[in-house]
Amino acid sequence: MKNLPNPKVDDFLAEGCGRCSLYGTPECKVHTWPEELRKLRSIALASGLDEEVKWGFPTYTLKGKNIFNIGAFKHFCSLNFFKGSLLKDEAKILDKAGENSNVSRLAKFTSLKEIEAVEEILHAYIDEAIENEKAGKKVESKSVSEYEVPKEFEEILSKRADVKTAFNALTPGRQKGYLLYFSAPKQSKTIISRIEKYIPKILDGKGFHDR
């Protein structure tokens, strides 16, 4: 079963995702991997999933639920499974999306040949991801208490009751987002700078990505 192509994905392949200033220019990352992205799209469409564009990227959904998307980056293009940690990955072709990612997994590619070499595996993984979604399988996420709290943020929380109260009132997802962002830099001054920048949003009850 094949799904109909979405014209918005044609725009993505021609112009880019629109997430940076390179959109619509020859330097956009989509132009680094034109053949690879078209191949990944053909594999995606063969799944019968709905083809949408979310966060600027081609995204494939089942009854509104995100299954995977396709991305173009500087050093690779990818097929990213939103609940990839549920996949068995017997072929060992999936990587974590980031050091702190415990849910999504992506297959990275730097050539058309690499994709063609695992094409059947990708079809099988997509089928498995669809069946997992139909079965209602969920990824057990880490609790907030399992995330590192930078000492710089601990000091601020101990000194400012208003920030502590506002932070504790945030949803677990929003708390995790801030802790990951604050913990990323190696230099203390950078951590402090990030914390100070986002204190107003915390006090407003907003998450890291909220506007």
Protein backbone atom coordinates (compact mmCIF):
# COMPACT_ATOMS: atom_id res chain seq x y z
CA MET A 1 0.00 0.00 0.00
CA LYS A 2 1.44 3.35 -1.05
CA ASN A 3 0.45 6.73 0.26
CA LEU A 4 0.02 9.83 -1.88
CA PRO A 5 2.97 12.27 -1.79
CA ASN A 6 2.38 15.49 0.13
CA PRO A 7 3.27 18.64 -1.90
CA LYS A 8 4.74 20.20 1.25
CA VAL A 9 7.46 17.55 1.20
CA ASP A 10 8.24 18.54 -2.38
CA ASP A 11 8.78 22.05 -1.03
CA PHE A 12 11.08 20.65 1.67
CA LEU A 13 13.20 18.86 -0.93
CA ALA A 14 13.39 21.99 -3.05
CA GLU A 15 13.87 24.68 -0.41
CA GLY A 16 14.68 23.13 2.96
CA CYS A 17 13.05 22.93 6.38
CA GLY A 18 12.89 26.67 7.07
CA ARG A 19 14.52 26.32 10.48
CA CYS A 20 17.60 28.38 9.67
CA SER A 21 18.82 31.24 7.45
CA LEU A 22 19.97 28.78 4.76
CA TYR A 23 16.37 28.10 3.76
CA GLY A 24 15.88 28.52 0.03
CA THR A 25 19.59 28.82 -0.67
CA PRO A 26 22.01 26.41 -2.42
CA GLU A 27 23.75 25.95 0.94
CA CYS A 28 20.68 24.39 2.58
CA LYS A 29 21.42 20.88 3.87
CA VAL A 30 18.73 19.28 1.73
CA HIS A 31 20.91 19.98 -1.31
CA THR A 32 23.74 17.97 0.22
CA TRP A 33 21.64 14.78 0.11
CA PRO A 34 19.14 15.08 -2.78
CA GLU A 35 19.26 11.47 -3.99
CA GLU A 36 19.42 10.08 -0.47
CA LEU A 37 16.38 12.07 0.69
CA ARG A 38 14.34 11.05 -2.34
CA LYS A 39 15.20 7.41 -1.67
CA LEU A 40 14.24 7.67 1.99
CA ARG A 41 10.99 9.31 0.97
CA SER A 42 10.16 6.48 -1.43
CA ILE A 43 10.77 3.98 1.37
CA ALA A 44 8.57 6.04 3.68
CA LEU A 45 5.71 6.34 1.22
CA ALA A 46 5.69 2.58 0.65
CA SER A 47 4.65 2.17 4.30
CA GLY A 48 1.18 3.58 3.67
CA LEU A 49 1.57 6.10 6.49
CA ASP A 50 0.30 9.65 6.13
CA GLU A 51 2.98 12.04 4.88
CA GLU A 52 3.05 15.38 6.71
CA VAL A 53 5.55 18.13 7.48
CA LYS A 54 6.21 18.78 11.18
CA TRP A 55 8.99 20.91 12.65
CA GLY A 56 10.03 21.51 9.04
CA PHE A 57 10.74 17.82 8.32
CA PRO A 58 8.81 15.14 6.39
CA THR A 59 6.99 13.20 9.09
CA TYR A 60 5.08 9.94 8.71
CA THR A 61 2.09 9.36 10.93
CA LEU A 62 -0.53 6.74 11.80
CA LYS A 63 -3.88 8.27 12.77
CA GLY A 64 -2.08 11.40 13.90
CA LYS A 65 0.63 9.55 15.85
CA ASN A 66 4.23 10.25 14.82
CA ILE A 67 6.08 7.12 13.67
CA PHE A 68 9.24 8.52 12.04
CA ASN A 69 10.61 11.46 10.11
CA ILE A 70 13.33 12.22 7.58
CA GLY A 71 16.01 14.83 8.21
CA ALA A 72 18.91 16.53 6.46
CA PHE A 73 21.95 17.63 8.45
CA LYS A 74 25.46 18.81 7.76
CA HIS A 75 27.22 15.45 8.05
CA PHE A 76 24.38 13.03 7.30
CA CYS A 77 20.75 12.56 6.41
CA SER A 78 18.57 10.35 8.55
CA LEU A 79 15.43 8.37 9.19
CA ASN A 80 14.41 8.95 12.79
CA PHE A 81 11.99 6.69 14.70
CA PHE A 82 10.15 8.61 17.42
CA LYS A 83 9.85 5.48 19.62
CA GLY A 84 12.97 3.83 18.27
CA SER A 85 14.05 2.44 21.62
CA LEU A 86 11.17 -0.04 21.30
CA LEU A 87 12.64 -1.50 18.10
CA LYS A 88 14.72 -4.67 18.39
CA ASP A 89 17.36 -3.29 15.97
CA GLU A 90 18.93 -6.69 15.35
CA ALA A 91 20.88 -5.19 12.43
CA LYS A 92 22.41 -2.54 14.75
CA ILE A 93 21.84 0.37 12.40
CA LEU A 94 20.21 2.78 14.85
CA ASP A 95 21.84 5.44 17.02
CA LYS A 96 20.53 7.57 19.85
CA ALA A 97 19.37 10.97 18.67
CA GLY A 98 21.45 12.53 21.44
CA GLU A 99 23.43 11.61 24.52
CA ASN A 100 20.40 12.08 26.75
CA SER A 101 17.83 10.59 24.41
CA ASN A 102 16.13 7.47 25.75
CA VAL A 103 13.25 7.34 23.25
CA SER A 104 14.08 8.20 19.63
CA ARG A 105 16.57 6.34 17.45
CA LEU A 106 17.84 7.25 14.00
CA ALA A 107 19.55 5.60 11.09
CA LYS A 108 22.24 7.88 9.63
CA PHE A 109 23.32 7.86 5.99
CA THR A 110 26.00 9.58 3.94
CA SER A 111 25.39 7.94 0.56
CA LEU A 112 22.67 6.39 -1.56
CA LYS A 113 24.49 3.05 -1.47
CA GLU A 114 24.29 2.96 2.31
CA ILE A 115 20.52 3.34 2.15
CA GLU A 116 20.12 0.75 -0.59
CA ALA A 117 22.20 -1.73 1.41
CA VAL A 118 19.69 -1.67 4.29
CA GLU A 119 16.51 -0.84 2.39
CA GLU A 120 14.74 -4.08 3.31
CA ILE A 121 15.79 -3.66 6.92
CA LEU A 122 14.29 -0.16 6.97
CA HIS A 123 11.02 -1.50 5.60
CA ALA A 124 11.00 -4.14 8.35
CA TYR A 125 11.79 -1.57 11.05
CA ILE A 126 9.01 0.70 9.81
CA ASP A 127 6.56 -2.21 9.89
CA GLU A 128 7.68 -3.02 13.43
CA ALA A 129 7.27 0.62 14.51
CA ILE A 130 3.75 0.67 13.05
CA GLU A 131 2.80 -2.52 14.88
CA ASN A 132 4.22 -1.11 18.13
CA GLU A 133 2.05 1.98 17.72
CA LYS A 134 -1.05 -0.07 16.94
CA ALA A 135 -0.37 -2.14 20.05
CA GLY A 136 -0.15 1.02 22.14
CA LYS A 137 3.39 0.32 23.31
CA LYS A 138 5.02 3.16 25.23
CA VAL A 139 8.58 4.00 26.21
CA GLU A 140 9.21 4.25 29.93
CA SER A 141 10.73 7.67 30.42
CA LYS A 142 13.13 8.69 33.15
CA SER A 143 11.67 10.47 36.13
CA VAL A 144 12.79 14.03 36.89
CA SER A 145 14.74 12.78 39.92
CA GLU A 146 17.01 10.77 37.60
CA TYR A 147 18.23 13.89 35.78
CA GLU A 148 21.33 15.78 36.85
CA VAL A 149 20.72 19.15 38.49
CA PRO A 150 23.72 21.44 37.88
CA LYS A 151 25.17 22.82 41.10
CA GLU A 152 24.75 26.31 39.66
CA PHE A 153 21.00 25.75 39.39
CA GLU A 154 20.86 24.16 42.84
CA GLU A 155 22.44 27.31 44.30
CA ILE A 156 19.86 29.53 42.64
CA LEU A 157 17.01 27.31 43.81
CA SER A 158 18.34 27.46 47.37
CA LYS A 159 18.56 31.27 47.28
CA ARG A 160 15.39 32.11 45.37
CA ALA A 161 12.22 30.60 46.73
CA ASP A 162 10.19 32.10 43.88
CA VAL A 163 12.26 30.26 41.24
CA LYS A 164 12.15 27.01 43.23
CA THR A 165 8.38 27.20 43.63
CA ALA A 166 7.86 28.02 39.94
CA PHE A 167 10.21 25.29 38.77
CA ASN A 168 8.57 22.65 40.97
CA ALA A 169 5.19 23.69 39.59
CA LEU A 170 6.26 22.95 36.00
CA THR A 171 5.23 19.70 34.34
CA PRO A 172 7.84 16.92 34.51
CA GLY A 173 8.47 17.30 30.79
CA ARG A 174 9.24 21.00 31.13
CA GLN A 175 11.50 20.35 34.12
CA LYS A 176 13.45 17.73 32.16
CA GLY A 177 13.86 20.11 29.23
CA TYR A 178 15.44 22.78 31.42
CA LEU A 179 17.69 20.34 33.28
CA LEU A 180 19.02 18.89 30.01
CA TYR A 181 19.67 22.37 28.61
CA PHE A 182 21.30 23.68 31.79
CA SER A 183 23.52 20.58 32.17
CA ALA A 184 24.89 20.58 28.62
CA PRO A 185 27.70 23.19 28.84
CA LYS A 186 31.03 22.30 30.43
CA GLN A 187 31.84 25.81 31.65
CA SER A 188 30.11 27.09 34.76
CA LYS A 189 29.71 30.62 33.39
CA THR A 190 27.82 29.27 30.39
CA ILE A 191 25.50 27.28 32.65
CA ILE A 192 24.84 30.36 34.79
CA SER A 193 24.18 32.44 31.67
CA ARG A 194 21.62 29.92 30.43
CA ILE A 195 19.88 29.76 33.80
CA GLU A 196 19.65 33.54 34.12
CA LYS A 197 18.26 33.83 30.61
CA TYR A 198 15.45 31.37 31.26
CA ILE A 199 14.46 32.30 34.81
CA PRO A 200 11.76 34.70 33.51
CA LYS A 201 10.18 31.85 31.51
CA ILE A 202 10.30 29.54 34.52
CA LEU A 203 8.58 32.21 36.63
CA ASP A 204 5.93 32.53 33.92
CA GLY A 205 5.28 28.78 34.11
CA LYS A 206 6.59 28.22 30.61
CA GLY A 207 8.75 25.41 29.28
CA PHE A 208 12.04 25.70 27.42
CA HIS A 209 10.32 25.59 24.00
CA ASP A 210 7.24 27.61 24.95
CA ARG A 211 6.81 31.10 23.54
